[in-house]
Amino acid sequence: MSKLTHFEQRRRRVRTAISRNSAGRLRLSVHRSSQHIYAQIIDDANGVTIASASTLEKDMRASTGATTDAASSVGKRLAERAKAVGVSAVVFDRGGFLFHGRVKALAEGAREGGLEF
């Protein structure tokens, strides 16, 4: 099997586990590319994005690249925006990416910022 096939299988497995165990909580979805990392809090019941953050934002773009420090700051920024909207508990959706490196740094940054998952 190809890498893409394995990735899609992991993504489906993670999403199935989340949908079974989420109990109506919002989902923190992560996407990682070679140069940037993106995160958003999604309300699947209504199909709406509540808050988002990424390394593409103007004030983050010049200073950081694809590093764990940048991912951590994206997690903290997302947690601040979520708390401003009134969200405190989410379910972490790693989206087929392995939970290490930048994905783990983003999760730890969001936890430091006050999100519970």
N, C-alpha and C. Protein backbone atom coordinates (compact mmCIF):
# COMPACT_ATOMS: atom_id res chain seq x y z
N MET A 1 0.83 -1.19 0.00
CA MET A 1 0.00 0.00 0.00
C MET A 1 0.87 1.25 0.00
N SER A 2 0.29 2.31 -0.50
CA SER A 2 1.03 3.57 -0.58
C SER A 2 0.93 4.34 0.74
N LYS A 3 1.76 5.35 0.88
CA LYS A 3 1.72 6.20 2.06
C LYS A 3 0.38 6.89 2.20
N LEU A 4 -0.16 7.34 1.09
CA LEU A 4 -1.45 8.04 1.10
C LEU A 4 -2.57 7.11 1.58
N THR A 5 -2.54 5.86 1.17
CA THR A 5 -3.55 4.90 1.60
C THR A 5 -3.47 4.67 3.11
N HIS A 6 -2.28 4.52 3.63
CA HIS A 6 -2.09 4.34 5.08
C HIS A 6 -2.55 5.59 5.84
N PHE A 7 -2.24 6.75 5.29
CA PHE A 7 -2.66 8.01 5.91
C PHE A 7 -4.18 8.09 5.98
N GLU A 8 -4.85 7.77 4.88
CA GLU A 8 -6.31 7.81 4.85
C GLU A 8 -6.93 6.81 5.81
N GLN A 9 -6.32 5.63 5.95
CA GLN A 9 -6.81 4.64 6.90
C GLN A 9 -6.68 5.16 8.33
N ARG A 10 -5.54 5.77 8.67
CA ARG A 10 -5.36 6.35 10.00
C ARG A 10 -6.36 7.45 10.25
N ARG A 11 -6.57 8.30 9.25
CA ARG A 11 -7.51 9.40 9.39
C ARG A 11 -8.93 8.88 9.66
N ARG A 12 -9.35 7.86 8.93
CA ARG A 12 -10.69 7.28 9.14
C ARG A 12 -10.80 6.64 10.52
N ARG A 13 -9.77 5.94 10.94
CA ARG A 13 -9.77 5.27 12.24
C ARG A 13 -9.86 6.30 13.37
N VAL A 14 -9.10 7.37 13.27
CA VAL A 14 -9.13 8.43 14.28
C VAL A 14 -10.50 9.09 14.32
N ARG A 15 -11.05 9.42 13.15
CA ARG A 15 -12.35 10.10 13.09
C ARG A 15 -13.46 9.21 13.63
N THR A 16 -13.40 7.91 13.38
CA THR A 16 -14.41 6.99 13.90
C THR A 16 -14.35 6.94 15.43
N ALA A 17 -13.14 6.85 15.97
CA ALA A 17 -12.99 6.82 17.43
C ALA A 17 -13.49 8.12 18.05
N ILE A 18 -13.22 9.23 17.41
CA ILE A 18 -13.66 10.52 17.93
C ILE A 18 -15.18 10.62 17.91
N SER A 19 -15.80 10.20 16.82
CA SER A 19 -17.25 10.31 16.73
C SER A 19 -17.96 9.41 17.73
N ARG A 20 -17.36 8.29 18.07
CA ARG A 20 -17.97 7.40 19.06
C ARG A 20 -17.82 7.91 20.48
N ASN A 21 -16.71 8.54 20.78
CA ASN A 21 -16.38 8.90 22.16
C ASN A 21 -16.46 10.39 22.46
N SER A 22 -16.90 11.21 21.54
CA SER A 22 -16.82 12.65 21.76
C SER A 22 -17.93 13.21 22.64
N ALA A 23 -19.08 12.59 22.68
CA ALA A 23 -20.22 13.03 23.51
C ALA A 23 -20.61 14.47 23.22
N GLY A 24 -20.63 14.84 21.94
CA GLY A 24 -21.09 16.16 21.55
C GLY A 24 -20.10 17.29 21.76
N ARG A 25 -18.84 16.96 22.04
CA ARG A 25 -17.85 18.02 22.24
C ARG A 25 -17.34 18.53 20.89
N LEU A 26 -16.77 19.71 20.90
CA LEU A 26 -16.20 20.29 19.70
C LEU A 26 -14.90 19.57 19.36
N ARG A 27 -14.47 19.67 18.10
CA ARG A 27 -13.30 18.94 17.63
C ARG A 27 -12.19 19.91 17.28
N LEU A 28 -10.99 19.65 17.80
CA LEU A 28 -9.80 20.43 17.45
C LEU A 28 -9.09 19.66 16.35
N SER A 29 -9.18 20.15 15.13
CA SER A 29 -8.62 19.47 13.97
C SER A 29 -7.27 20.08 13.61
N VAL A 30 -6.30 19.22 13.29
CA VAL A 30 -4.94 19.67 12.97
C VAL A 30 -4.57 19.23 11.57
N HIS A 31 -3.95 20.14 10.82
CA HIS A 31 -3.37 19.79 9.53
C HIS A 31 -1.93 20.27 9.53
N ARG A 32 -1.04 19.40 9.09
CA ARG A 32 0.39 19.71 9.08
C ARG A 32 0.90 19.56 7.65
N SER A 33 1.54 20.59 7.15
CA SER A 33 2.21 20.50 5.85
C SER A 33 3.71 20.59 6.09
N SER A 34 4.47 20.59 5.03
CA SER A 34 5.92 20.64 5.20
C SER A 34 6.39 22.01 5.70
N GLN A 35 5.60 23.06 5.43
CA GLN A 35 6.03 24.41 5.80
C GLN A 35 5.18 25.07 6.87
N HIS A 36 3.95 24.60 7.08
CA HIS A 36 3.04 25.27 8.01
C HIS A 36 2.24 24.26 8.81
N ILE A 37 1.59 24.75 9.84
CA ILE A 37 0.67 23.93 10.63
C ILE A 37 -0.60 24.75 10.87
N TYR A 38 -1.73 24.09 10.76
CA TYR A 38 -3.03 24.74 10.86
C TYR A 38 -3.86 24.01 11.91
N ALA A 39 -4.66 24.73 12.66
CA ALA A 39 -5.54 24.12 13.65
C ALA A 39 -6.85 24.90 13.68
N GLN A 40 -7.94 24.17 13.86
CA GLN A 40 -9.23 24.82 13.98
C GLN A 40 -10.14 24.02 14.89
N ILE A 41 -11.03 24.73 15.56
CA ILE A 41 -12.03 24.10 16.42
C ILE A 41 -13.33 24.10 15.64
N ILE A 42 -13.89 22.90 15.46
CA ILE A 42 -15.04 22.73 14.59
C ILE A 42 -16.23 22.19 15.37
N ASP A 43 -17.40 22.76 15.12
CA ASP A 43 -18.66 22.25 15.65
C ASP A 43 -19.26 21.38 14.56
N ASP A 44 -19.11 20.05 14.67
CA ASP A 44 -19.58 19.14 13.63
C ASP A 44 -21.10 19.09 13.53
N ALA A 45 -21.79 19.35 14.63
CA ALA A 45 -23.25 19.30 14.62
C ALA A 45 -23.82 20.38 13.70
N ASN A 46 -23.21 21.56 13.71
CA ASN A 46 -23.68 22.67 12.88
C ASN A 46 -22.81 22.90 11.65
N GLY A 47 -21.67 22.23 11.56
CA GLY A 47 -20.78 22.41 10.43
C GLY A 47 -20.13 23.78 10.39
N VAL A 48 -19.71 24.28 11.57
CA VAL A 48 -19.17 25.64 11.68
C VAL A 48 -17.80 25.59 12.33
N THR A 49 -16.88 26.41 11.83
CA THR A 49 -15.58 26.58 12.48
C THR A 49 -15.71 27.67 13.53
N ILE A 50 -15.38 27.33 14.78
CA ILE A 50 -15.51 28.25 15.89
C ILE A 50 -14.29 29.17 16.01
N ALA A 51 -13.10 28.58 15.91
CA ALA A 51 -11.86 29.36 16.03
C ALA A 51 -10.78 28.67 15.21
N SER A 52 -9.81 29.44 14.74
CA SER A 52 -8.72 28.85 13.98
C SER A 52 -7.44 29.63 14.20
N ALA A 53 -6.32 28.96 13.92
CA ALA A 53 -5.00 29.59 14.01
C ALA A 53 -4.04 28.81 13.12
N SER A 54 -3.04 29.48 12.60
CA SER A 54 -2.04 28.81 11.78
C SER A 54 -0.76 29.64 11.74
N THR A 55 0.27 29.05 11.16
CA THR A 55 1.52 29.77 11.00
C THR A 55 1.48 30.69 9.79
N LEU A 56 0.39 30.70 9.05
CA LEU A 56 0.24 31.60 7.91
C LEU A 56 -0.19 33.01 8.30
N GLU A 57 -0.57 33.22 9.55
CA GLU A 57 -1.01 34.54 9.98
C GLU A 57 0.15 35.52 9.90
N LYS A 58 -0.16 36.77 9.60
CA LYS A 58 0.87 37.76 9.31
C LYS A 58 1.93 37.90 10.40
N ASP A 59 1.50 38.01 11.66
CA ASP A 59 2.48 38.22 12.72
C ASP A 59 3.29 36.97 13.04
N MET A 60 2.84 35.80 12.63
CA MET A 60 3.61 34.57 12.86
C MET A 60 4.45 34.20 11.65
N ARG A 61 4.05 34.64 10.50
CA ARG A 61 4.69 34.19 9.27
C ARG A 61 6.15 34.61 9.16
N ALA A 62 6.48 35.82 9.56
CA ALA A 62 7.84 36.32 9.40
C ALA A 62 8.81 35.71 10.41
N SER A 63 8.32 35.41 11.61
CA SER A 63 9.24 35.01 12.66
C SER A 63 9.48 33.51 12.75
N THR A 64 8.51 32.69 12.36
CA THR A 64 8.67 31.25 12.55
C THR A 64 8.37 30.48 11.29
N GLY A 65 8.88 29.28 11.22
CA GLY A 65 8.61 28.40 10.11
C GLY A 65 7.97 27.13 10.63
N ALA A 66 8.32 26.02 10.04
CA ALA A 66 7.75 24.73 10.41
C ALA A 66 8.56 24.13 11.56
N THR A 67 8.38 24.68 12.77
CA THR A 67 9.11 24.19 13.92
C THR A 67 8.14 23.84 15.04
N THR A 68 8.64 23.14 16.04
CA THR A 68 7.79 22.80 17.19
C THR A 68 7.46 24.05 17.99
N ASP A 69 8.36 25.03 18.00
CA ASP A 69 8.06 26.30 18.69
C ASP A 69 6.88 27.01 18.03
N ALA A 70 6.87 27.03 16.71
CA ALA A 70 5.77 27.65 15.98
C ALA A 70 4.47 26.90 16.25
N ALA A 71 4.52 25.58 16.26
CA ALA A 71 3.33 24.78 16.51
C ALA A 71 2.80 25.03 17.92
N SER A 72 3.68 25.15 18.88
CA SER A 72 3.27 25.42 20.25
C SER A 72 2.58 26.78 20.35
N SER A 73 3.13 27.78 19.68
CA SER A 73 2.52 29.11 19.73
C SER A 73 1.17 29.12 19.00
N VAL A 74 1.01 28.32 17.96
CA VAL A 74 -0.29 28.20 17.29
C VAL A 74 -1.30 27.58 18.24
N GLY A 75 -0.89 26.57 19.00
CA GLY A 75 -1.78 25.95 19.99
C GLY A 75 -2.22 26.92 21.06
N LYS A 76 -1.27 27.72 21.56
CA LYS A 76 -1.61 28.72 22.58
C LYS A 76 -2.56 29.78 22.02
N ARG A 77 -2.30 30.22 20.81
CA ARG A 77 -3.14 31.24 20.17
C ARG A 77 -4.56 30.69 19.94
N LEU A 78 -4.66 29.44 19.53
CA LEU A 78 -5.97 28.83 19.32
C LEU A 78 -6.73 28.70 20.64
N ALA A 79 -6.02 28.35 21.71
CA ALA A 79 -6.66 28.24 23.02
C ALA A 79 -7.19 29.59 23.48
N GLU A 80 -6.43 30.65 23.26
CA GLU A 80 -6.89 32.00 23.62
C GLU A 80 -8.16 32.37 22.87
N ARG A 81 -8.18 32.08 21.58
CA ARG A 81 -9.35 32.41 20.77
C ARG A 81 -10.56 31.56 21.16
N ALA A 82 -10.31 30.32 21.51
CA ALA A 82 -11.41 29.44 21.94
C ALA A 82 -12.00 29.91 23.26
N LYS A 83 -11.13 30.30 24.19
CA LYS A 83 -11.62 30.78 25.49
C LYS A 83 -12.40 32.08 25.33
N ALA A 84 -12.01 32.91 24.38
CA ALA A 84 -12.73 34.16 24.13
C ALA A 84 -14.15 33.89 23.63
N VAL A 85 -14.34 32.77 22.94
CA VAL A 85 -15.65 32.40 22.43
C VAL A 85 -16.44 31.60 23.46
N GLY A 86 -15.75 31.08 24.48
CA GLY A 86 -16.42 30.33 25.53
C GLY A 86 -16.24 28.82 25.44
N VAL A 87 -15.25 28.37 24.70
CA VAL A 87 -14.97 26.94 24.56
C VAL A 87 -13.84 26.56 25.49
N SER A 88 -14.05 25.52 26.30
CA SER A 88 -12.98 25.10 27.20
C SER A 88 -12.61 23.63 27.04
N ALA A 89 -13.50 22.81 26.49
CA ALA A 89 -13.23 21.37 26.32
C ALA A 89 -13.45 20.97 24.87
N VAL A 90 -12.48 20.26 24.31
CA VAL A 90 -12.54 19.80 22.93
C VAL A 90 -12.06 18.36 22.84
N VAL A 91 -12.22 17.77 21.67
CA VAL A 91 -11.67 16.46 21.37
C VAL A 91 -10.56 16.68 20.34
N PHE A 92 -9.38 16.11 20.56
CA PHE A 92 -8.24 16.33 19.68
C PHE A 92 -8.30 15.38 18.49
N ASP A 93 -8.32 15.93 17.29
CA ASP A 93 -8.33 15.15 16.05
C ASP A 93 -7.01 15.37 15.35
N ARG A 94 -6.12 14.40 15.44
CA ARG A 94 -4.80 14.54 14.83
C ARG A 94 -4.86 14.32 13.32
N GLY A 95 -5.98 13.85 12.83
CA GLY A 95 -6.22 13.79 11.39
C GLY A 95 -5.30 12.87 10.61
N GLY A 96 -4.89 11.75 11.15
CA GLY A 96 -4.03 10.83 10.43
C GLY A 96 -2.54 11.09 10.64
N PHE A 97 -2.20 12.22 11.22
CA PHE A 97 -0.79 12.51 11.51
C PHE A 97 -0.41 11.84 12.82
N LEU A 98 0.81 11.37 12.91
CA LEU A 98 1.27 10.73 14.13
C LEU A 98 1.41 11.77 15.24
N PHE A 99 1.16 11.35 16.47
CA PHE A 99 1.18 12.27 17.61
C PHE A 99 2.60 12.41 18.14
N HIS A 100 3.42 13.13 17.42
CA HIS A 100 4.76 13.48 17.87
C HIS A 100 5.21 14.69 17.09
N GLY A 101 6.28 15.30 17.54
CA GLY A 101 6.82 16.45 16.84
C GLY A 101 5.90 17.65 16.90
N ARG A 102 5.59 18.23 15.74
CA ARG A 102 4.80 19.45 15.68
C ARG A 102 3.36 19.26 16.13
N VAL A 103 2.77 18.10 15.84
CA VAL A 103 1.39 17.84 16.26
C VAL A 103 1.31 17.77 17.79
N LYS A 104 2.28 17.10 18.40
CA LYS A 104 2.32 17.02 19.86
C LYS A 104 2.59 18.39 20.47
N ALA A 105 3.47 19.17 19.86
CA ALA A 105 3.76 20.52 20.37
C ALA A 105 2.53 21.40 20.31
N LEU A 106 1.74 21.29 19.25
CA LEU A 106 0.50 22.07 19.14
C LEU A 106 -0.47 21.65 20.25
N ALA A 107 -0.60 20.36 20.49
CA ALA A 107 -1.50 19.88 21.53
C ALA A 107 -1.06 20.37 22.91
N GLU A 108 0.22 20.32 23.19
CA GLU A 108 0.72 20.78 24.48
C GLU A 108 0.54 22.29 24.63
N GLY A 109 0.73 23.04 23.54
CA GLY A 109 0.50 24.48 23.59
C GLY A 109 -0.95 24.82 23.86
N ALA A 110 -1.86 24.05 23.27
CA ALA A 110 -3.29 24.28 23.51
C ALA A 110 -3.65 23.94 24.95
N ARG A 111 -3.05 22.90 25.50
CA ARG A 111 -3.29 22.56 26.90
C ARG A 111 -2.77 23.65 27.83
N GLU A 112 -1.58 24.18 27.52
CA GLU A 112 -1.01 25.27 28.32
C GLU A 112 -1.91 26.50 28.26
N GLY A 113 -2.54 26.70 27.11
CA GLY A 113 -3.42 27.84 26.92
C GLY A 113 -4.77 27.70 27.64
N GLY A 114 -5.07 26.50 28.13
CA GLY A 114 -6.29 26.31 28.90
C GLY A 114 -7.33 25.39 28.30
N LEU A 115 -7.08 24.81 27.14
CA LEU A 115 -8.04 23.86 26.58
C LEU A 115 -7.89 22.50 27.25
N GLU A 116 -9.00 21.82 27.43
CA GLU A 116 -8.99 20.48 28.02
C GLU A 116 -9.34 19.45 26.96
N PHE A 117 -8.51 18.42 26.85
CA PHE A 117 -8.82 17.27 25.99
C PHE A 117 -7.99 16.08 26.39
